[in-house]
Amino acid sequence: MNAQTEALATHVLDAKGLNCPLPILRTRKAIADMPSGDMLRVLATDPGSVNDLRSFCNQTGHALVSSREDAGVFEFLIRKS
């Protein structure tokens, strides 16, 4: 993962190895416990998490700051609204 993303994230959720719907459910729970403006870095291996997390952010108003894939691991940076 990239050092800039790691530095921006105030919280990290490792959802690697979890299949749908667990990555999105764990993301929802993690964000609920965070203060507004904090950043959550989510790591996942489920390809469905790409669309799931994009939709989650659109529906909840949280900002999907970045999303990338590296060697089968999807990395998302989400700012809580």
PDB file of N, CA and C in Angstrom:
ATOM      1  N   MET A   1       0.838  -1.169   0.000  1.00  0.00           N
ATOM      2  CA  MET A   1       0.000   0.000   0.000  1.00  0.00           C
ATOM      3  C   MET A   1       0.886   1.236   0.000  1.00  0.00           C
ATOM      4  N   ASN A   2       0.317   2.353  -0.263  1.00  0.00           N
ATOM      5  CA  ASN A   2       1.176   3.525  -0.401  1.00  0.00           C
ATOM      6  C   ASN A   2       1.274   4.310   0.908  1.00  0.00           C
ATOM      7  N   ALA A   3       2.455   4.858   1.135  1.00  0.00           N
ATOM      8  CA  ALA A   3       2.772   5.518   2.408  1.00  0.00           C
ATOM      9  C   ALA A   3       1.905   6.747   2.644  1.00  0.00           C
ATOM     10  N   GLN A   4       1.546   7.460   1.581  1.00  0.00           N
ATOM     11  CA  GLN A   4       0.713   8.656   1.735  1.00  0.00           C
ATOM     12  C   GLN A   4      -0.667   8.277   2.277  1.00  0.00           C
ATOM     13  N   THR A   5      -1.256   7.210   1.737  1.00  0.00           N
ATOM     14  CA  THR A   5      -2.560   6.749   2.209  1.00  0.00           C
ATOM     15  C   THR A   5      -2.472   6.306   3.661  1.00  0.00           C
ATOM     16  N   GLU A   6      -1.410   5.581   3.991  1.00  0.00           N
ATOM     17  CA  GLU A   6      -1.232   5.128   5.371  1.00  0.00           C
ATOM     18  C   GLU A   6      -1.142   6.316   6.321  1.00  0.00           C
ATOM     19  N   ALA A   7      -0.465   7.377   5.911  1.00  0.00           N
ATOM     20  CA  ALA A   7      -0.292   8.551   6.764  1.00  0.00           C
ATOM     21  C   ALA A   7      -1.611   9.303   6.962  1.00  0.00           C
ATOM     22  N   LEU A   8      -2.489   9.301   5.959  1.00  0.00           N
ATOM     23  CA  LEU A   8      -3.764  10.013   6.050  1.00  0.00           C
ATOM     24  C   LEU A   8      -4.783   9.291   6.926  1.00  0.00           C
ATOM     25  N   ALA A   9      -4.710   7.975   6.956  1.00  0.00           N
ATOM     26  CA  ALA A   9      -5.713   7.185   7.667  1.00  0.00           C
ATOM     27  C   ALA A   9      -5.540   7.295   9.178  1.00  0.00           C
ATOM     28  N   THR A  10      -6.646   7.564   9.866  1.00  0.00           N
ATOM     29  CA  THR A  10      -6.627   7.597  11.323  1.00  0.00           C
ATOM     30  C   THR A  10      -7.103   6.266  11.902  1.00  0.00           C
ATOM     31  N   HIS A  11      -7.727   5.441  11.051  1.00  0.00           N
ATOM     32  CA  HIS A  11      -8.224   4.122  11.454  1.00  0.00           C
ATOM     33  C   HIS A  11      -7.974   3.160  10.295  1.00  0.00           C
ATOM     34  N   VAL A  12      -7.761   1.877  10.613  1.00  0.00           N
ATOM     35  CA  VAL A  12      -7.529   0.864   9.585  1.00  0.00           C
ATOM     36  C   VAL A  12      -8.445  -0.322   9.850  1.00  0.00           C
ATOM     37  N   LEU A  13      -9.075  -0.804   8.777  1.00  0.00           N
ATOM     38  CA  LEU A  13      -9.899  -2.008   8.843  1.00  0.00           C
ATOM     39  C   LEU A  13      -9.312  -3.021   7.874  1.00  0.00           C
ATOM     40  N   ASP A  14      -8.861  -4.147   8.386  1.00  0.00           N
ATOM     41  CA  ASP A  14      -8.326  -5.218   7.549  1.00  0.00           C
ATOM     42  C   ASP A  14      -9.435  -6.231   7.314  1.00  0.00           C
ATOM     43  N   ALA A  15     -10.046  -6.175   6.125  1.00  0.00           N
ATOM     44  CA  ALA A  15     -11.126  -7.084   5.769  1.00  0.00           C
ATOM     45  C   ALA A  15     -10.659  -8.099   4.728  1.00  0.00           C
ATOM     46  N   LYS A  16      -9.348  -8.292   4.624  1.00  0.00           N
ATOM     47  CA  LYS A  16      -8.818  -9.258   3.660  1.00  0.00           C
ATOM     48  C   LYS A  16      -9.299 -10.659   4.036  1.00  0.00           C
ATOM     49  N   GLY A  17      -9.686 -11.423   3.011  1.00  0.00           N
ATOM     50  CA  GLY A  17     -10.147 -12.785   3.226  1.00  0.00           C
ATOM     51  C   GLY A  17     -11.626 -12.897   3.549  1.00  0.00           C
ATOM     52  N   LEU A  18     -12.297 -11.777   3.751  1.00  0.00           N
ATOM     53  CA  LEU A  18     -13.729 -11.790   4.046  1.00  0.00           C
ATOM     54  C   LEU A  18     -14.521 -11.616   2.755  1.00  0.00           C
ATOM     55  N   ASN A  19     -15.601 -12.376   2.634  1.00  0.00           N
ATOM     56  CA  ASN A  19     -16.452 -12.278   1.453  1.00  0.00           C
ATOM     57  C   ASN A  19     -17.678 -11.434   1.755  1.00  0.00           C
ATOM     58  N   CYS A  20     -18.309 -10.968   0.683  1.00  0.00           N
ATOM     59  CA  CYS A  20     -19.516 -10.162   0.757  1.00  0.00           C
ATOM     60  C   CYS A  20     -20.553 -10.891   1.621  1.00  0.00           C
ATOM     61  N   PRO A  21     -21.192 -10.223   2.522  1.00  0.00           N
ATOM     62  CA  PRO A  21     -21.266  -8.791   2.771  1.00  0.00           C
ATOM     63  C   PRO A  21     -20.371  -8.313   3.920  1.00  0.00           C
ATOM     64  N   LEU A  22     -19.475  -9.166   4.416  1.00  0.00           N
ATOM     65  CA  LEU A  22     -18.706  -8.811   5.615  1.00  0.00           C
ATOM     66  C   LEU A  22     -17.840  -7.562   5.480  1.00  0.00           C
ATOM     67  N   PRO A  23     -17.137  -7.327   4.357  1.00  0.00           N
ATOM     68  CA  PRO A  23     -16.337  -6.095   4.289  1.00  0.00           C
ATOM     69  C   PRO A  23     -17.176  -4.824   4.478  1.00  0.00           C
ATOM     70  N   ILE A  24     -18.344  -4.771   3.868  1.00  0.00           N
ATOM     71  CA  ILE A  24     -19.173  -3.570   3.986  1.00  0.00           C
ATOM     72  C   ILE A  24     -19.795  -3.466   5.382  1.00  0.00           C
ATOM     73  N   LEU A  25     -20.175  -4.588   5.962  1.00  0.00           N
ATOM     74  CA  LEU A  25     -20.742  -4.564   7.315  1.00  0.00           C
ATOM     75  C   LEU A  25     -19.706  -4.104   8.332  1.00  0.00           C
ATOM     76  N   ARG A  26     -18.487  -4.580   8.195  1.00  0.00           N
ATOM     77  CA  ARG A  26     -17.419  -4.175   9.123  1.00  0.00           C
ATOM     78  C   ARG A  26     -17.033  -2.706   8.904  1.00  0.00           C
ATOM     79  N   THR A  27     -17.094  -2.268   7.649  1.00  0.00           N
ATOM     80  CA  THR A  27     -16.816  -0.855   7.355  1.00  0.00           C
ATOM     81  C   THR A  27     -17.869   0.029   8.009  1.00  0.00           C
ATOM     82  N   ARG A  28     -19.123  -0.350   7.862  1.00  0.00           N
ATOM     83  CA  ARG A  28     -20.233   0.419   8.459  1.00  0.00           C
ATOM     84  C   ARG A  28     -20.049   0.525   9.977  1.00  0.00           C
ATOM     85  N   LYS A  29     -19.688  -0.579  10.623  1.00  0.00           N
ATOM     86  CA  LYS A  29     -19.489  -0.580  12.082  1.00  0.00           C
ATOM     87  C   LYS A  29     -18.290   0.281  12.476  1.00  0.00           C
ATOM     88  N   ALA A  30     -17.191   0.162  11.730  1.00  0.00           N
ATOM     89  CA  ALA A  30     -15.986   0.938  12.046  1.00  0.00           C
ATOM     90  C   ALA A  30     -16.259   2.436  11.919  1.00  0.00           C
ATOM     91  N   ILE A  31     -16.945   2.835  10.861  1.00  0.00           N
ATOM     92  CA  ILE A  31     -17.225   4.255  10.638  1.00  0.00           C
ATOM     93  C   ILE A  31     -18.180   4.799  11.699  1.00  0.00           C
ATOM     94  N   ALA A  32     -19.111   3.988  12.146  1.00  0.00           N
ATOM     95  CA  ALA A  32     -20.073   4.442  13.160  1.00  0.00           C
ATOM     96  C   ALA A  32     -19.372   4.868  14.445  1.00  0.00           C
ATOM     97  N   ASP A  33     -18.247   4.243  14.745  1.00  0.00           N
ATOM     98  CA  ASP A  33     -17.517   4.530  15.985  1.00  0.00           C
ATOM     99  C   ASP A  33     -16.474   5.638  15.837  1.00  0.00           C
ATOM    100  N   MET A  34     -16.378   6.239  14.655  1.00  0.00           N
ATOM    101  CA  MET A  34     -15.352   7.255  14.391  1.00  0.00           C
ATOM    102  C   MET A  34     -15.932   8.666  14.477  1.00  0.00           C
ATOM    103  N   PRO A  35     -15.111   9.643  14.869  1.00  0.00           N
ATOM    104  CA  PRO A  35     -15.557  11.039  14.812  1.00  0.00           C
ATOM    105  C   PRO A  35     -15.633  11.528  13.358  1.00  0.00           C
ATOM    106  N   SER A  36     -16.491  12.484  13.115  1.00  0.00           N
ATOM    107  CA  SER A  36     -16.616  13.089  11.790  1.00  0.00           C
ATOM    108  C   SER A  36     -15.275  13.677  11.352  1.00  0.00           C
ATOM    109  N   GLY A  37     -14.929  13.459  10.087  1.00  0.00           N
ATOM    110  CA  GLY A  37     -13.678  13.974   9.536  1.00  0.00           C
ATOM    111  C   GLY A  37     -12.526  12.990   9.590  1.00  0.00           C
ATOM    112  N   ASP A  38     -12.635  11.951  10.427  1.00  0.00           N
ATOM    113  CA  ASP A  38     -11.578  10.937  10.486  1.00  0.00           C
ATOM    114  C   ASP A  38     -11.571  10.116   9.204  1.00  0.00           C
ATOM    115  N   MET A  39     -10.418   9.505   8.930  1.00  0.00           N
ATOM    116  CA  MET A  39     -10.244   8.718   7.710  1.00  0.00           C
ATOM    117  C   MET A  39     -10.088   7.242   8.058  1.00  0.00           C
ATOM    118  N   LEU A  40     -10.791   6.396   7.311  1.00  0.00           N
ATOM    119  CA  LEU A  40     -10.716   4.949   7.477  1.00  0.00           C
ATOM    120  C   LEU A  40     -10.062   4.343   6.247  1.00  0.00           C
ATOM    121  N   ARG A  41      -9.018   3.575   6.470  1.00  0.00           N
ATOM    122  CA  ARG A  41      -8.358   2.820   5.401  1.00  0.00           C
ATOM    123  C   ARG A  41      -8.885   1.394   5.476  1.00  0.00           C
ATOM    124  N   VAL A  42      -9.504   0.927   4.388  1.00  0.00           N
ATOM    125  CA  VAL A  42     -10.074  -0.412   4.328  1.00  0.00           C
ATOM    126  C   VAL A  42      -9.251  -1.237   3.347  1.00  0.00           C
ATOM    127  N   LEU A  43      -8.851  -2.425   3.781  1.00  0.00           N
ATOM    128  CA  LEU A  43      -8.145  -3.373   2.926  1.00  0.00           C
ATOM    129  C   LEU A  43      -9.055  -4.577   2.736  1.00  0.00           C
ATOM    130  N   ALA A  44      -9.276  -4.979   1.478  1.00  0.00           N
ATOM    131  CA  ALA A  44     -10.174  -6.096   1.191  1.00  0.00           C
ATOM    132  C   ALA A  44      -9.659  -6.885  -0.006  1.00  0.00           C
ATOM    133  N   THR A  45     -10.044  -8.151  -0.064  1.00  0.00           N
ATOM    134  CA  THR A  45      -9.675  -8.984  -1.210  1.00  0.00           C
ATOM    135  C   THR A  45     -10.898  -9.379  -2.038  1.00  0.00           C
ATOM    136  N   ASP A  46     -12.088  -9.101  -1.546  1.00  0.00           N
ATOM    137  CA  ASP A  46     -13.318  -9.420  -2.273  1.00  0.00           C
ATOM    138  C   ASP A  46     -13.542  -8.382  -3.371  1.00  0.00           C
ATOM    139  N   PRO A  47     -13.523  -8.802  -4.655  1.00  0.00           N
ATOM    140  CA  PRO A  47     -13.722  -7.840  -5.748  1.00  0.00           C
ATOM    141  C   PRO A  47     -15.054  -7.089  -5.656  1.00  0.00           C
ATOM    142  N   GLY A  48     -16.057  -7.682  -5.044  1.00  0.00           N
ATOM    143  CA  GLY A  48     -17.346  -7.021  -4.886  1.00  0.00           C
ATOM    144  C   GLY A  48     -17.284  -5.805  -3.979  1.00  0.00           C
ATOM    145  N   SER A  49     -16.237  -5.725  -3.181  1.00  0.00           N
ATOM    146  CA  SER A  49     -16.116  -4.589  -2.260  1.00  0.00           C
ATOM    147  C   SER A  49     -15.927  -3.270  -3.005  1.00  0.00           C
ATOM    148  N   VAL A  50     -15.434  -3.326  -4.235  1.00  0.00           N
ATOM    149  CA  VAL A  50     -15.231  -2.095  -5.017  1.00  0.00           C
ATOM    150  C   VAL A  50     -16.568  -1.382  -5.214  1.00  0.00           C
ATOM    151  N   ASN A  51     -17.546  -2.092  -5.750  1.00  0.00           N
ATOM    152  CA  ASN A  51     -18.869  -1.490  -5.961  1.00  0.00           C
ATOM    153  C   ASN A  51     -19.595  -1.262  -4.647  1.00  0.00           C
ATOM    154  N   ASP A  52     -19.445  -2.199  -3.709  1.00  0.00           N
ATOM    155  CA  ASP A  52     -20.141  -2.078  -2.425  1.00  0.00           C
ATOM    156  C   ASP A  52     -19.715  -0.827  -1.667  1.00  0.00           C
ATOM    157  N   LEU A  53     -18.414  -0.581  -1.580  1.00  0.00           N
ATOM    158  CA  LEU A  53     -17.938   0.574  -0.820  1.00  0.00           C
ATOM    159  C   LEU A  53     -18.237   1.889  -1.534  1.00  0.00           C
ATOM    160  N   ARG A  54     -18.200   1.886  -2.859  1.00  0.00           N
ATOM    161  CA  ARG A  54     -18.572   3.089  -3.611  1.00  0.00           C
ATOM    162  C   ARG A  54     -20.045   3.424  -3.346  1.00  0.00           C
ATOM    163  N   SER A  55     -20.908   2.422  -3.421  1.00  0.00           N
ATOM    164  CA  SER A  55     -22.339   2.630  -3.164  1.00  0.00           C
ATOM    165  C   SER A  55     -22.588   3.055  -1.726  1.00  0.00           C
ATOM    166  N   PHE A  56     -21.884   2.425  -0.792  1.00  0.00           N
ATOM    167  CA  PHE A  56     -22.017   2.775   0.624  1.00  0.00           C
ATOM    168  C   PHE A  56     -21.709   4.253   0.844  1.00  0.00           C
ATOM    169  N   CYS A  57     -20.628   4.726   0.263  1.00  0.00           N
ATOM    170  CA  CYS A  57     -20.247   6.137   0.423  1.00  0.00           C
ATOM    171  C   CYS A  57     -21.275   7.060  -0.216  1.00  0.00           C
ATOM    172  N   ASN A  58     -21.759   6.704  -1.399  1.00  0.00           N
ATOM    173  CA  ASN A  58     -22.778   7.522  -2.066  1.00  0.00           C
ATOM    174  C   ASN A  58     -24.055   7.607  -1.236  1.00  0.00           C
ATOM    175  N   GLN A  59     -24.455   6.499  -0.630  1.00  0.00           N
ATOM    176  CA  GLN A  59     -25.706   6.456   0.129  1.00  0.00           C
ATOM    177  C   GLN A  59     -25.601   7.135   1.489  1.00  0.00           C
ATOM    178  N   THR A  60     -24.418   7.122   2.087  1.00  0.00           N
ATOM    179  CA  THR A  60     -24.267   7.633   3.454  1.00  0.00           C
ATOM    180  C   THR A  60     -23.668   9.031   3.520  1.00  0.00           C
ATOM    181  N   GLY A  61     -23.128   9.515   2.404  1.00  0.00           N
ATOM    182  CA  GLY A  61     -22.532  10.845   2.392  1.00  0.00           C
ATOM    183  C   GLY A  61     -21.073  10.884   2.807  1.00  0.00           C
ATOM    184  N   HIS A  62     -20.487   9.732   3.105  1.00  0.00           N
ATOM    185  CA  HIS A  62     -19.057   9.687   3.403  1.00  0.00           C
ATOM    186  C   HIS A  62     -18.291   9.840   2.086  1.00  0.00           C
ATOM    187  N   ALA A  63     -17.073  10.369   2.154  1.00  0.00           N
ATOM    188  CA  ALA A  63     -16.287  10.612   0.940  1.00  0.00           C
ATOM    189  C   ALA A  63     -15.332   9.458   0.676  1.00  0.00           C
ATOM    190  N   LEU A  64     -15.439   8.875  -0.515  1.00  0.00           N
ATOM    191  CA  LEU A  64     -14.457   7.885  -0.953  1.00  0.00           C
ATOM    192  C   LEU A  64     -13.295   8.680  -1.539  1.00  0.00           C
ATOM    193  N   VAL A  65     -12.262   8.875  -0.742  1.00  0.00           N
ATOM    194  CA  VAL A  65     -11.135   9.728  -1.105  1.00  0.00           C
ATOM    195  C   VAL A  65     -10.267   9.057  -2.158  1.00  0.00           C
ATOM    196  N   SER A  66     -10.039   7.762  -2.009  1.00  0.00           N
ATOM    197  CA  SER A  66      -9.246   7.033  -3.004  1.00  0.00           C
ATOM    198  C   SER A  66      -9.599   5.562  -2.962  1.00  0.00           C
ATOM    199  N   SER A  67      -9.318   4.912  -4.077  1.00  0.00           N
ATOM    200  CA  SER A  67      -9.533   3.477  -4.190  1.00  0.00           C
ATOM    201  C   SER A  67      -8.512   2.960  -5.189  1.00  0.00           C
ATOM    202  N   ARG A  68      -7.865   1.862  -4.829  1.00  0.00           N
ATOM    203  CA  ARG A  68      -6.868   1.273  -5.727  1.00  0.00           C
ATOM    204  C   ARG A  68      -6.756  -0.211  -5.457  1.00  0.00           C
ATOM    205  N   GLU A  69      -6.112  -0.915  -6.388  1.00  0.00           N
ATOM    206  CA  GLU A  69      -5.890  -2.353  -6.256  1.00  0.00           C
ATOM    207  C   GLU A  69      -4.418  -2.627  -6.486  1.00  0.00           C
ATOM    208  N   ASP A  70      -3.853  -3.491  -5.663  1.00  0.00           N
ATOM    209  CA  ASP A  70      -2.453  -3.878  -5.797  1.00  0.00           C
ATOM    210  C   ASP A  70      -2.325  -5.346  -5.420  1.00  0.00           C
ATOM    211  N   ALA A  71      -1.971  -6.164  -6.394  1.00  0.00           N
ATOM    212  CA  ALA A  71      -1.739  -7.599  -6.178  1.00  0.00           C
ATOM    213  C   ALA A  71      -2.933  -8.286  -5.510  1.00  0.00           C
ATOM    214  N   GLY A  72      -4.136  -7.946  -5.969  1.00  0.00           N
ATOM    215  CA  GLY A  72      -5.334  -8.599  -5.457  1.00  0.00           C
ATOM    216  C   GLY A  72      -5.876  -8.038  -4.154  1.00  0.00           C
ATOM    217  N   VAL A  73      -5.250  -6.992  -3.639  1.00  0.00           N
ATOM    218  CA  VAL A  73      -5.746  -6.338  -2.421  1.00  0.00           C
ATOM    219  C   VAL A  73      -6.292  -4.966  -2.810  1.00  0.00           C
ATOM    220  N   PHE A  74      -7.551  -4.744  -2.473  1.00  0.00           N
ATOM    221  CA  PHE A  74      -8.204  -3.470  -2.748  1.00  0.00           C
ATOM    222  C   PHE A  74      -8.035  -2.583  -1.525  1.00  0.00           C
ATOM    223  N   GLU A  75      -7.655  -1.333  -1.777  1.00  0.00           N
ATOM    224  CA  GLU A  75      -7.437  -0.377  -0.697  1.00  0.00           C
ATOM    225  C   GLU A  75      -8.356   0.819  -0.921  1.00  0.00           C
ATOM    226  N   PHE A  76      -9.087   1.190   0.118  1.00  0.00           N
ATOM    227  CA  PHE A  76     -10.018   2.310   0.055  1.00  0.00           C
ATOM    228  C   PHE A  76      -9.697   3.277   1.181  1.00  0.00           C
ATOM    229  N   LEU A  77      -9.808   4.549   0.900  1.00  0.00           N
ATOM    230  CA  LEU A  77      -9.654   5.569   1.929  1.00  0.00           C
ATOM    231  C   LEU A  77     -10.966   6.345   1.981  1.00  0.00           C
ATOM    232  N   ILE A  78     -11.626   6.296   3.132  1.00  0.00           N
ATOM    233  CA  ILE A  78     -12.947   6.898   3.300  1.00  0.00           C
ATOM    234  C   ILE A  78     -12.882   7.944   4.405  1.00  0.00           C
ATOM    235  N   ARG A  79     -13.413   9.143   4.111  1.00  0.00           N
ATOM    236  CA  ARG A  79     -13.509  10.200   5.124  1.00  0.00           C
ATOM    237  C   ARG A  79     -14.943  10.228   5.644  1.00  0.00           C
ATOM    238  N   LYS A  80     -15.081  10.098   6.959  1.00  0.00           N
ATOM    239  CA  LYS A  80     -16.422  10.123   7.550  1.00  0.00           C
ATOM    240  C   LYS A  80     -17.008  11.527   7.460  1.00  0.00           C
ATOM    241  N   SER A  81     -18.278  11.589   7.049  1.00  0.00           N
ATOM    242  CA  SER A  81     -18.947  12.893   6.923  1.00  0.00           C
ATOM    243  C   SER A  81     -19.332  13.444   8.277  1.00  0.00           C
TER     244      SER A  81
END
